[in-house]
């Protein structure tokens, strides 16, 4: 039995923006007897896109039993918002409000949510912000471990009087904000790069972590898989993606050349032969590219499981 190596999680690389092109470091051609390096094809990506932002003024309200449909008008463009009792609705100062006809709003919907193919476009937003004449700014985005957002434009400095809540309205701590999707309410920021602000209120949009003890022996089962079902490629331990992800509660959808792994607001896109993987529309690196090492079984570096899935 091969001795399992201990892997240190890799740091996240800077995000790629616009129509930027990334050229991953060349890797040795697997199975080749030569030392010539093979250049991995360049990867073209779109701008980082975590939320669909929908702007407009409420022009019409249609109330049904469980959903209220709000029609937004933005010039000639119409959009419809599906609002339920679970939709977060605040004004730009952080106060909870009720939507009314004539309100000028911006709605934020996770971009990885399924969308109905109908016209006018219909969204099921996660957050709706009503614009008022009172002073107040709102940032809805993903924030990294150092509490800077995806474009490194805004950094949060949490004060003792900053109100920190989850989507249920329960209090959370500053440690709960890192690497999460947040709704941030603030009134002023510095002119530095990134701008820094001490928010008045922050809401964590991500679901609370599932308690894996609810699934009997799930950690023991995964440990058994990591110890017995693996290959070593270029010094990296490779483990089966689907079986581990599904045991951790993720949905795994095959793409033909890899898979999309999702749970709640998390979404990972794995492509065989590519060292870069998608994480909520951004790209991050792996030591070794995922590969089909057994029939219909994609294997990924163990670091992906230990750093991201668990």
C-alpha atoms as a PDB file:
ATOM      1  CA  UNK A   1       0.000   0.000   0.000  1.00  0.00           C
ATOM      2  CA  UNK A   2       1.363   3.402  -0.936  1.00  0.00           C
ATOM      3  CA  UNK A   3       1.933   5.782   1.905  1.00  0.00           C
ATOM      4  CA  UNK A   4      -0.529   8.657   1.831  1.00  0.00           C
ATOM      5  CA  UNK A   5       1.138  12.031   1.593  1.00  0.00           C
ATOM      6  CA  UNK A   6      -0.089  15.017   3.526  1.00  0.00           C
ATOM      7  CA  UNK A   7      -1.108  17.842   1.191  1.00  0.00           C
ATOM      8  CA  UNK A   8      -1.118  21.498   2.173  1.00  0.00           C
ATOM      9  CA  UNK A   9      -4.085  23.390   0.620  1.00  0.00           C
ATOM     10  CA  UNK A  10      -2.957  25.711  -2.140  1.00  0.00           C
ATOM     11  CA  UNK A  11      -3.660  29.425  -1.900  1.00  0.00           C
ATOM     12  CA  UNK A  12      -6.310  30.833  -4.221  1.00  0.00           C
ATOM     13  CA  UNK A  13      -4.876  32.675  -7.188  1.00  0.00           C
ATOM     14  CA  UNK A  14      -5.980  36.099  -8.304  1.00  0.00           C
ATOM     15  CA  UNK A  15      -9.242  36.156 -10.229  1.00  0.00           C
ATOM     16  CA  UNK A  16      -9.265  36.623 -13.977  1.00  0.00           C
ATOM     17  CA  UNK A  17     -11.322  39.465 -15.339  1.00  0.00           C
ATOM     18  CA  UNK A  18     -12.841  40.622 -18.602  1.00  0.00           C
ATOM     19  CA  UNK A  19     -11.690  38.624 -21.590  1.00  0.00           C
ATOM     20  CA  UNK A  20      -8.352  37.929 -19.930  1.00  0.00           C
ATOM     21  CA  UNK A  21      -6.367  34.905 -21.031  1.00  0.00           C
ATOM     22  CA  UNK A  22      -4.526  32.638 -18.608  1.00  0.00           C
ATOM     23  CA  UNK A  23      -1.786  30.260 -19.692  1.00  0.00           C
ATOM     24  CA  UNK A  24      -1.260  27.627 -16.976  1.00  0.00           C
ATOM     25  CA  UNK A  25       2.259  26.402 -16.292  1.00  0.00           C
ATOM     26  CA  UNK A  26       3.241  23.741 -18.811  1.00  0.00           C
ATOM     27  CA  UNK A  27       3.217  20.164 -17.489  1.00  0.00           C
ATOM     28  CA  UNK A  28       5.056  17.045 -18.573  1.00  0.00           C
ATOM     29  CA  UNK A  29       3.181  15.012 -21.141  1.00  0.00           C
ATOM     30  CA  UNK A  30       1.783  12.095 -19.132  1.00  0.00           C
ATOM     31  CA  UNK A  31       3.013   8.742 -20.385  1.00  0.00           C
ATOM     32  CA  UNK A  32       5.692  10.261 -22.660  1.00  0.00           C
ATOM     33  CA  UNK A  33       9.257   9.006 -22.578  1.00  0.00           C
ATOM     34  CA  UNK A  34      10.657  12.420 -23.431  1.00  0.00           C
ATOM     35  CA  UNK A  35      11.271  15.382 -21.174  1.00  0.00           C
ATOM     36  CA  UNK A  36       9.688  17.846 -23.605  1.00  0.00           C
ATOM     37  CA  UNK A  37       7.038  20.001 -21.993  1.00  0.00           C
ATOM     38  CA  UNK A  38       3.570  20.249 -23.453  1.00  0.00           C
ATOM     39  CA  UNK A  39       1.968  23.690 -23.513  1.00  0.00           C
ATOM     40  CA  UNK A  40      -1.576  23.546 -22.175  1.00  0.00           C
ATOM     41  CA  UNK A  41      -4.017  25.407 -24.472  1.00  0.00           C
ATOM     42  CA  UNK A  42      -4.968  28.896 -23.356  1.00  0.00           C
ATOM     43  CA  UNK A  43      -8.248  29.269 -21.517  1.00  0.00           C
ATOM     44  CA  UNK A  44     -10.651  32.056 -22.441  1.00  0.00           C
ATOM     45  CA  UNK A  45     -13.084  33.111 -19.732  1.00  0.00           C
ATOM     46  CA  UNK A  46     -15.850  35.638 -19.349  1.00  0.00           C
ATOM     47  CA  UNK A  47     -15.924  38.255 -16.582  1.00  0.00           C
ATOM     48  CA  UNK A  48     -16.412  36.925 -13.061  1.00  0.00           C
ATOM     49  CA  UNK A  49     -20.166  36.682 -12.818  1.00  0.00           C
ATOM     50  CA  UNK A  50     -21.606  35.594  -9.476  1.00  0.00           C
ATOM     51  CA  UNK A  51     -24.920  37.469  -9.435  1.00  0.00           C
ATOM     52  CA  UNK A  52     -27.382  38.554 -12.083  1.00  0.00           C
ATOM     53  CA  UNK A  53     -28.261  42.156 -11.237  1.00  0.00           C
ATOM     54  CA  UNK A  54     -31.728  43.308 -12.299  1.00  0.00           C
ATOM     55  CA  UNK A  55     -32.574  47.017 -12.147  1.00  0.00           C
ATOM     56  CA  UNK A  56     -35.833  48.865 -12.545  1.00  0.00           C
ATOM     57  CA  UNK A  57     -38.906  50.476 -11.056  1.00  0.00           C
ATOM     58  CA  UNK A  58     -41.814  48.335  -9.874  1.00  0.00           C
ATOM     59  CA  UNK A  59     -44.542  48.908 -12.424  1.00  0.00           C
ATOM     60  CA  UNK A  60     -47.006  46.128 -11.653  1.00  0.00           C
ATOM     61  CA  UNK A  61     -47.719  43.728  -8.759  1.00  0.00           C
ATOM     62  CA  UNK A  62     -49.438  40.363  -9.125  1.00  0.00           C
ATOM     63  CA  UNK A  63     -50.115  38.516  -5.857  1.00  0.00           C
ATOM     64  CA  UNK A  64     -50.630  34.729  -5.816  1.00  0.00           C
ATOM     65  CA  UNK A  65     -50.836  32.236  -2.957  1.00  0.00           C
ATOM     66  CA  UNK A  66     -47.125  31.705  -2.289  1.00  0.00           C
ATOM     67  CA  UNK A  67     -45.372  34.038  -4.755  1.00  0.00           C
ATOM     68  CA  UNK A  68     -45.765  37.714  -5.543  1.00  0.00           C
ATOM     69  CA  UNK A  69     -44.722  38.736  -9.044  1.00  0.00           C
ATOM     70  CA  UNK A  70     -43.244  42.213  -9.434  1.00  0.00           C
ATOM     71  CA  UNK A  71     -42.814  43.624 -12.940  1.00  0.00           C
ATOM     72  CA  UNK A  72     -39.809  45.935 -13.245  1.00  0.00           C
ATOM     73  CA  UNK A  73     -39.523  48.564 -15.958  1.00  0.00           C
ATOM     74  CA  UNK A  74     -36.144  49.929 -16.990  1.00  0.00           C
ATOM     75  CA  UNK A  75     -36.783  52.039 -20.059  1.00  0.00           C
ATOM     76  CA  UNK A  76     -38.207  49.662 -22.675  1.00  0.00           C
ATOM     77  CA  UNK A  77     -36.932  46.593 -20.808  1.00  0.00           C
ATOM     78  CA  UNK A  78     -39.288  44.586 -18.576  1.00  0.00           C
ATOM     79  CA  UNK A  79     -38.273  41.927 -16.047  1.00  0.00           C
ATOM     80  CA  UNK A  80     -40.309  39.952 -13.553  1.00  0.00           C
ATOM     81  CA  UNK A  81     -39.214  39.142 -10.002  1.00  0.00           C
ATOM     82  CA  UNK A  82     -40.622  36.130  -8.145  1.00  0.00           C
ATOM     83  CA  UNK A  83     -40.694  37.113  -4.474  1.00  0.00           C
ATOM     84  CA  UNK A  84     -41.490  34.727  -1.635  1.00  0.00           C
ATOM     85  CA  UNK A  85     -41.465  35.024   2.144  1.00  0.00           C
ATOM     86  CA  UNK A  86     -37.823  33.861   2.070  1.00  0.00           C
ATOM     87  CA  UNK A  87     -36.615  36.643  -0.249  1.00  0.00           C
ATOM     88  CA  UNK A  88     -34.435  39.170   1.576  1.00  0.00           C
ATOM     89  CA  UNK A  89     -35.738  42.701   1.010  1.00  0.00           C
ATOM     90  CA  UNK A  90     -33.947  45.726   2.473  1.00  0.00           C
ATOM     91  CA  UNK A  91     -33.504  49.364   1.638  1.00  0.00           C
ATOM     92  CA  UNK A  92     -30.041  50.763   0.961  1.00  0.00           C
ATOM     93  CA  UNK A  93     -29.539  51.555   4.664  1.00  0.00           C
ATOM     94  CA  UNK A  94     -30.125  47.961   5.787  1.00  0.00           C
ATOM     95  CA  UNK A  95     -33.715  48.307   7.016  1.00  0.00           C
ATOM     96  CA  UNK A  96     -36.208  45.555   6.211  1.00  0.00           C
ATOM     97  CA  UNK A  97     -38.932  46.938   3.966  1.00  0.00           C
ATOM     98  CA  UNK A  98     -41.992  45.817   2.001  1.00  0.00           C
ATOM     99  CA  UNK A  99     -41.914  46.215  -1.766  1.00  0.00           C
ATOM    100  CA  UNK A 100     -44.380  48.701  -3.220  1.00  0.00           C
ATOM    101  CA  UNK A 101     -45.348  49.878  -6.665  1.00  0.00           C
ATOM    102  CA  UNK A 102     -43.081  52.736  -7.701  1.00  0.00           C
ATOM    103  CA  UNK A 103     -40.058  51.488  -5.741  1.00  0.00           C
ATOM    104  CA  UNK A 104     -36.748  51.730  -7.559  1.00  0.00           C
ATOM    105  CA  UNK A 105     -34.909  48.480  -6.879  1.00  0.00           C
ATOM    106  CA  UNK A 106     -31.940  46.295  -7.756  1.00  0.00           C
ATOM    107  CA  UNK A 107     -32.372  42.539  -7.421  1.00  0.00           C
ATOM    108  CA  UNK A 108     -29.479  40.096  -6.993  1.00  0.00           C
ATOM    109  CA  UNK A 109     -29.902  36.495  -8.174  1.00  0.00           C
ATOM    110  CA  UNK A 110     -27.190  33.851  -7.994  1.00  0.00           C
ATOM    111  CA  UNK A 111     -26.025  33.354 -11.576  1.00  0.00           C
ATOM    112  CA  UNK A 112     -25.884  29.556 -11.188  1.00  0.00           C
ATOM    113  CA  UNK A 113     -29.629  29.349 -10.503  1.00  0.00           C
ATOM    114  CA  UNK A 114     -31.777  27.812 -13.246  1.00  0.00           C
ATOM    115  CA  UNK A 115     -33.757  30.449 -15.163  1.00  0.00           C
ATOM    116  CA  UNK A 116     -37.025  29.963 -17.016  1.00  0.00           C
ATOM    117  CA  UNK A 117     -36.768  30.388 -20.792  1.00  0.00           C
ATOM    118  CA  UNK A 118     -39.659  32.828 -21.052  1.00  0.00           C
ATOM    119  CA  UNK A 119     -40.187  36.448 -21.987  1.00  0.00           C
ATOM    120  CA  UNK A 120     -40.053  38.845 -20.288  1.00  0.00           C
ATOM    121  CA  UNK A 121     -37.129  37.408 -18.273  1.00  0.00           C
ATOM    122  CA  UNK A 122     -38.169  36.081 -14.886  1.00  0.00           C
ATOM    123  CA  UNK A 123     -35.853  35.925 -11.869  1.00  0.00           C
ATOM    124  CA  UNK A 124     -36.086  34.392  -8.406  1.00  0.00           C
ATOM    125  CA  UNK A 125     -33.818  36.848  -6.574  1.00  0.00           C
ATOM    126  CA  UNK A 126     -31.937  36.105  -3.373  1.00  0.00           C
ATOM    127  CA  UNK A 127     -31.732  39.765  -2.332  1.00  0.00           C
ATOM    128  CA  UNK A 128     -33.666  42.871  -3.328  1.00  0.00           C
ATOM    129  CA  UNK A 129     -32.468  46.355  -2.397  1.00  0.00           C
ATOM    130  CA  UNK A 130     -34.851  49.310  -2.486  1.00  0.00           C
ATOM    131  CA  UNK A 131     -33.103  52.575  -3.280  1.00  0.00           C
ATOM    132  CA  UNK A 132     -34.006  55.539  -1.075  1.00  0.00           C
ATOM    133  CA  UNK A 133     -32.812  59.117  -0.708  1.00  0.00           C
ATOM    134  CA  UNK A 134     -31.081  58.236   2.574  1.00  0.00           C
ATOM    135  CA  UNK A 135     -27.297  57.809   2.599  1.00  0.00           C
ATOM    136  CA  UNK A 136     -26.242  54.219   2.204  1.00  0.00           C
ATOM    137  CA  UNK A 137     -24.373  51.885  -0.127  1.00  0.00           C
ATOM    138  CA  UNK A 138     -24.777  48.148  -0.677  1.00  0.00           C
ATOM    139  CA  UNK A 139     -22.303  45.567  -1.967  1.00  0.00           C
ATOM    140  CA  UNK A 140     -23.529  42.043  -2.739  1.00  0.00           C
ATOM    141  CA  UNK A 141     -20.567  39.847  -3.634  1.00  0.00           C
ATOM    142  CA  UNK A 142     -18.237  37.019  -2.676  1.00  0.00           C
ATOM    143  CA  UNK A 143     -15.606  37.986  -0.088  1.00  0.00           C
ATOM    144  CA  UNK A 144     -12.321  36.145   0.352  1.00  0.00           C
ATOM    145  CA  UNK A 145     -10.496  35.158   3.535  1.00  0.00           C
ATOM    146  CA  UNK A 146      -9.106  38.676   3.966  1.00  0.00           C
ATOM    147  CA  UNK A 147     -12.641  40.093   3.427  1.00  0.00           C
ATOM    148  CA  UNK A 148     -11.931  41.677   0.060  1.00  0.00           C
ATOM    149  CA  UNK A 149     -14.461  41.127  -2.711  1.00  0.00           C
ATOM    150  CA  UNK A 150     -13.966  39.437  -6.079  1.00  0.00           C
ATOM    151  CA  UNK A 151     -12.512  42.390  -7.962  1.00  0.00           C
ATOM    152  CA  UNK A 152     -10.397  43.508  -4.975  1.00  0.00           C
ATOM    153  CA  UNK A 153     -12.360  46.754  -4.931  1.00  0.00           C
ATOM    154  CA  UNK A 154     -13.730  46.708  -1.377  1.00  0.00           C
ATOM    155  CA  UNK A 155     -12.239  45.445   1.888  1.00  0.00           C
ATOM    156  CA  UNK A 156     -14.284  45.067   5.067  1.00  0.00           C
ATOM    157  CA  UNK A 157     -13.113  46.132   8.523  1.00  0.00           C
ATOM    158  CA  UNK A 158     -15.540  44.696  11.059  1.00  0.00           C
ATOM    159  CA  UNK A 159     -16.209  46.778  14.167  1.00  0.00           C
ATOM    160  CA  UNK A 160     -17.786  45.756  17.476  1.00  0.00           C
ATOM    161  CA  UNK A 161     -21.021  47.528  16.543  1.00  0.00           C
ATOM    162  CA  UNK A 162     -21.276  45.999  13.053  1.00  0.00           C
ATOM    163  CA  UNK A 163     -24.464  43.941  12.910  1.00  0.00           C
ATOM    164  CA  UNK A 164     -23.613  40.450  11.627  1.00  0.00           C
ATOM    165  CA  UNK A 165     -26.449  38.105  10.652  1.00  0.00           C
ATOM    166  CA  UNK A 166     -27.194  35.009   8.597  1.00  0.00           C
ATOM    167  CA  UNK A 167     -30.173  34.686   6.237  1.00  0.00           C
ATOM    168  CA  UNK A 168     -32.354  33.495   9.126  1.00  0.00           C
ATOM    169  CA  UNK A 169     -31.610  36.646  11.095  1.00  0.00           C
ATOM    170  CA  UNK A 170     -29.428  34.871  13.665  1.00  0.00           C
ATOM    171  CA  UNK A 171     -26.246  36.545  14.853  1.00  0.00           C
ATOM    172  CA  UNK A 172     -22.917  35.337  13.469  1.00  0.00           C
ATOM    173  CA  UNK A 173     -19.299  36.297  14.137  1.00  0.00           C
ATOM    174  CA  UNK A 174     -16.684  38.047  12.023  1.00  0.00           C
ATOM    175  CA  UNK A 175     -15.004  34.658  11.467  1.00  0.00           C
ATOM    176  CA  UNK A 176     -18.171  33.471   9.717  1.00  0.00           C
ATOM    177  CA  UNK A 177     -17.792  36.072   6.938  1.00  0.00           C
ATOM    178  CA  UNK A 178     -14.641  34.757   5.257  1.00  0.00           C
ATOM    179  CA  UNK A 179     -15.048  33.018   1.904  1.00  0.00           C
ATOM    180  CA  UNK A 180     -18.778  33.682   1.826  1.00  0.00           C
ATOM    181  CA  UNK A 181     -21.319  35.563  -0.286  1.00  0.00           C
ATOM    182  CA  UNK A 182     -22.284  38.669   1.678  1.00  0.00           C
ATOM    183  CA  UNK A 183     -24.710  41.577   1.615  1.00  0.00           C
ATOM    184  CA  UNK A 184     -22.773  44.557   2.959  1.00  0.00           C
ATOM    185  CA  UNK A 185     -24.362  47.851   4.049  1.00  0.00           C
ATOM    186  CA  UNK A 186     -22.084  50.860   4.564  1.00  0.00           C
ATOM    187  CA  UNK A 187     -22.086  54.645   4.352  1.00  0.00           C
ATOM    188  CA  UNK A 188     -18.483  55.606   3.599  1.00  0.00           C
ATOM    189  CA  UNK A 189     -15.220  54.125   2.350  1.00  0.00           C
ATOM    190  CA  UNK A 190     -11.620  55.210   1.931  1.00  0.00           C
ATOM    191  CA  UNK A 191     -10.095  56.277  -1.397  1.00  0.00           C
ATOM    192  CA  UNK A 192      -7.449  53.562  -1.180  1.00  0.00           C
ATOM    193  CA  UNK A 193      -7.106  50.536  -3.448  1.00  0.00           C
ATOM    194  CA  UNK A 194      -8.966  48.523  -2.421  1.00  0.00           C
ATOM    195  CA  UNK A 195     -11.369  50.915  -0.757  1.00  0.00           C
ATOM    196  CA  UNK A 196     -11.893  50.055   2.904  1.00  0.00           C
ATOM    197  CA  UNK A 197     -15.096  50.382   4.865  1.00  0.00           C
ATOM    198  CA  UNK A 198     -16.484  49.608   8.287  1.00  0.00           C
ATOM    199  CA  UNK A 199     -19.964  48.308   7.465  1.00  0.00           C
ATOM    200  CA  UNK A 200     -23.011  48.939   9.607  1.00  0.00           C
ATOM    201  CA  UNK A 201     -24.526  45.571   8.717  1.00  0.00           C
ATOM    202  CA  UNK A 202     -23.473  42.346   6.987  1.00  0.00           C
ATOM    203  CA  UNK A 203     -25.680  39.403   6.031  1.00  0.00           C
ATOM    204  CA  UNK A 204     -24.206  36.008   5.107  1.00  0.00           C
ATOM    205  CA  UNK A 205     -26.106  34.509   2.170  1.00  0.00           C
ATOM    206  CA  UNK A 206     -24.533  31.055   2.234  1.00  0.00           C
ATOM    207  CA  UNK A 207     -26.430  28.219   3.865  1.00  0.00           C
ATOM    208  CA  UNK A 208     -25.100  27.020   7.181  1.00  0.00           C
ATOM    209  CA  UNK A 209     -22.671  24.168   6.839  1.00  0.00           C
ATOM    210  CA  UNK A 210     -24.419  20.832   6.906  1.00  0.00           C
ATOM    211  CA  UNK A 211     -23.771  18.726   9.950  1.00  0.00           C
ATOM    212  CA  UNK A 212     -22.209  15.635   8.440  1.00  0.00           C
ATOM    213  CA  UNK A 213     -22.915  13.666  11.623  1.00  0.00           C
ATOM    214  CA  UNK A 214     -26.490  13.468  10.350  1.00  0.00           C
ATOM    215  CA  UNK A 215     -25.152  11.000   7.757  1.00  0.00           C
ATOM    216  CA  UNK A 216     -23.916   7.995   9.756  1.00  0.00           C
ATOM    217  CA  UNK A 217     -20.213   7.312   9.350  1.00  0.00           C
ATOM    218  CA  UNK A 218     -19.894   9.597   6.292  1.00  0.00           C
ATOM    219  CA  UNK A 219     -16.455  10.806   7.360  1.00  0.00           C
ATOM    220  CA  UNK A 220     -15.309   7.258   8.004  1.00  0.00           C
ATOM    221  CA  UNK A 221     -16.606   6.203   4.576  1.00  0.00           C
ATOM    222  CA  UNK A 222     -14.734   9.033   2.868  1.00  0.00           C
ATOM    223  CA  UNK A 223     -11.569   8.227   4.809  1.00  0.00           C
ATOM    224  CA  UNK A 224     -11.862   4.635   3.566  1.00  0.00           C
ATOM    225  CA  UNK A 225     -12.183   5.839  -0.047  1.00  0.00           C
ATOM    226  CA  UNK A 226      -9.184   8.147   0.301  1.00  0.00           C
ATOM    227  CA  UNK A 227      -7.128   5.259   1.700  1.00  0.00           C
ATOM    228  CA  UNK A 228      -8.073   2.585  -0.837  1.00  0.00           C
ATOM    229  CA  UNK A 229      -9.406   4.083  -4.093  1.00  0.00           C
ATOM    230  CA  UNK A 230      -6.674   6.311  -5.457  1.00  0.00           C
ATOM    231  CA  UNK A 231      -3.878   6.682  -7.984  1.00  0.00           C
ATOM    232  CA  UNK A 232      -0.678   8.692  -7.795  1.00  0.00           C
ATOM    233  CA  UNK A 233       0.014  10.962 -10.765  1.00  0.00           C
ATOM    234  CA  UNK A 234       3.138  13.136 -10.875  1.00  0.00           C
ATOM    235  CA  UNK A 235       3.479  12.744  -7.102  1.00  0.00           C
ATOM    236  CA  UNK A 236      -0.132  13.831  -6.439  1.00  0.00           C
ATOM    237  CA  UNK A 237      -2.754  11.567  -4.935  1.00  0.00           C
ATOM    238  CA  UNK A 238      -5.835  11.350  -7.186  1.00  0.00           C
ATOM    239  CA  UNK A 239      -9.208  10.310  -5.718  1.00  0.00           C
ATOM    240  CA  UNK A 240     -12.659   9.610  -7.280  1.00  0.00           C
ATOM    241  CA  UNK A 241     -14.740  12.771  -7.628  1.00  0.00           C
ATOM    242  CA  UNK A 242     -18.359  11.648  -7.904  1.00  0.00           C
ATOM    243  CA  UNK A 243     -18.559   9.151  -5.041  1.00  0.00           C
ATOM    244  CA  UNK A 244     -16.913  11.557  -2.568  1.00  0.00           C
ATOM    245  CA  UNK A 245     -18.902  14.620  -3.665  1.00  0.00           C
ATOM    246  CA  UNK A 246     -22.228  12.778  -3.448  1.00  0.00           C
ATOM    247  CA  UNK A 247     -21.442  11.461   0.035  1.00  0.00           C
ATOM    248  CA  UNK A 248     -20.853  15.087   1.074  1.00  0.00           C
ATOM    249  CA  UNK A 249     -24.276  16.117  -0.217  1.00  0.00           C
ATOM    250  CA  UNK A 250     -23.256  17.618  -3.558  1.00  0.00           C
ATOM    251  CA  UNK A 251     -25.120  17.122  -6.822  1.00  0.00           C
ATOM    252  CA  UNK A 252     -22.824  15.890  -9.610  1.00  0.00           C
ATOM    253  CA  UNK A 253     -23.838  16.602 -13.208  1.00  0.00           C
ATOM    254  CA  UNK A 254     -21.734  15.150 -16.023  1.00  0.00           C
ATOM    255  CA  UNK A 255     -20.674  17.531 -18.804  1.00  0.00           C
ATOM    256  CA  UNK A 256     -19.205  14.849 -21.067  1.00  0.00           C
ATOM    257  CA  UNK A 257     -15.672  16.065 -20.411  1.00  0.00           C
ATOM    258  CA  UNK A 258     -15.943  16.550 -16.662  1.00  0.00           C
ATOM    259  CA  UNK A 259     -18.616  17.513 -14.165  1.00  0.00           C
ATOM    260  CA  UNK A 260     -20.419  20.358 -12.391  1.00  0.00           C
ATOM    261  CA  UNK A 261     -20.560  19.829  -8.624  1.00  0.00           C
ATOM    262  CA  UNK A 262     -23.068  21.971  -6.756  1.00  0.00           C
ATOM    263  CA  UNK A 263     -24.643  22.386  -3.331  1.00  0.00           C
ATOM    264  CA  UNK A 264     -26.609  25.422  -2.226  1.00  0.00           C
ATOM    265  CA  UNK A 265     -24.833  28.484  -3.578  1.00  0.00           C
ATOM    266  CA  UNK A 266     -21.581  26.618  -4.295  1.00  0.00           C
ATOM    267  CA  UNK A 267     -20.745  25.495  -7.817  1.00  0.00           C
ATOM    268  CA  UNK A 268     -17.544  23.849  -9.078  1.00  0.00           C
ATOM    269  CA  UNK A 269     -16.799  23.006 -12.715  1.00  0.00           C
ATOM    270  CA  UNK A 270     -14.208  20.281 -13.256  1.00  0.00           C
ATOM    271  CA  UNK A 271     -12.821  19.564 -16.735  1.00  0.00           C
ATOM    272  CA  UNK A 272     -10.638  16.561 -17.433  1.00  0.00           C
ATOM    273  CA  UNK A 273      -7.226  17.564 -18.766  1.00  0.00           C
ATOM    274  CA  UNK A 274      -7.516  21.132 -17.394  1.00  0.00           C
ATOM    275  CA  UNK A 275      -5.549  22.226 -14.336  1.00  0.00           C
ATOM    276  CA  UNK A 276      -7.878  25.191 -13.833  1.00  0.00           C
ATOM    277  CA  UNK A 277     -11.323  24.555 -12.343  1.00  0.00           C
ATOM    278  CA  UNK A 278     -14.317  26.858 -12.058  1.00  0.00           C
ATOM    279  CA  UNK A 279     -15.530  28.024  -8.662  1.00  0.00           C
ATOM    280  CA  UNK A 280     -18.691  30.169  -8.817  1.00  0.00           C
ATOM    281  CA  UNK A 281     -17.604  31.570 -12.221  1.00  0.00           C
ATOM    282  CA  UNK A 282     -13.966  32.206 -11.241  1.00  0.00           C
ATOM    283  CA  UNK A 283     -10.944  30.026 -12.057  1.00  0.00           C
ATOM    284  CA  UNK A 284      -8.540  28.389  -9.583  1.00  0.00           C
ATOM    285  CA  UNK A 285      -5.582  25.998 -10.028  1.00  0.00           C
ATOM    286  CA  UNK A 286      -4.936  22.337  -9.227  1.00  0.00           C
ATOM    287  CA  UNK A 287      -1.552  20.614  -8.966  1.00  0.00           C
ATOM    288  CA  UNK A 288      -2.579  17.960 -11.510  1.00  0.00           C
ATOM    289  CA  UNK A 289      -5.403  18.017 -14.057  1.00  0.00           C
ATOM    290  CA  UNK A 290      -8.444  15.801 -13.339  1.00  0.00           C
ATOM    291  CA  UNK A 291      -8.352  12.600 -15.374  1.00  0.00           C
ATOM    292  CA  UNK A 292     -10.436   9.578 -16.361  1.00  0.00           C
ATOM    293  CA  UNK A 293      -8.277   6.961 -14.630  1.00  0.00           C
ATOM    294  CA  UNK A 294     -10.953   4.248 -14.614  1.00  0.00           C
ATOM    295  CA  UNK A 295     -13.929   3.630 -16.889  1.00  0.00           C
ATOM    296  CA  UNK A 296     -16.480   6.427 -16.259  1.00  0.00           C
ATOM    297  CA  UNK A 297     -14.631   7.589 -13.107  1.00  0.00           C
ATOM    298  CA  UNK A 298     -13.032  11.019 -12.997  1.00  0.00           C
ATOM    299  CA  UNK A 299     -10.251  11.391 -10.441  1.00  0.00           C
ATOM    300  CA  UNK A 300      -9.139  14.726  -8.944  1.00  0.00           C
ATOM    301  CA  UNK A 301      -6.241  15.737  -6.696  1.00  0.00           C
ATOM    302  CA  UNK A 302      -7.026  14.992  -3.051  1.00  0.00           C
ATOM    303  CA  UNK A 303      -6.336  18.684  -2.319  1.00  0.00           C
ATOM    304  CA  UNK A 304      -9.571  19.596  -4.140  1.00  0.00           C
ATOM    305  CA  UNK A 305     -11.584  17.415  -1.753  1.00  0.00           C
ATOM    306  CA  UNK A 306      -9.736  18.522   1.369  1.00  0.00           C
ATOM    307  CA  UNK A 307      -9.697  22.243   0.519  1.00  0.00           C
ATOM    308  CA  UNK A 308     -12.995  22.867  -1.231  1.00  0.00           C
ATOM    309  CA  UNK A 309     -15.527  20.064  -0.778  1.00  0.00           C
ATOM    310  CA  UNK A 310     -14.931  19.423   2.933  1.00  0.00           C
END
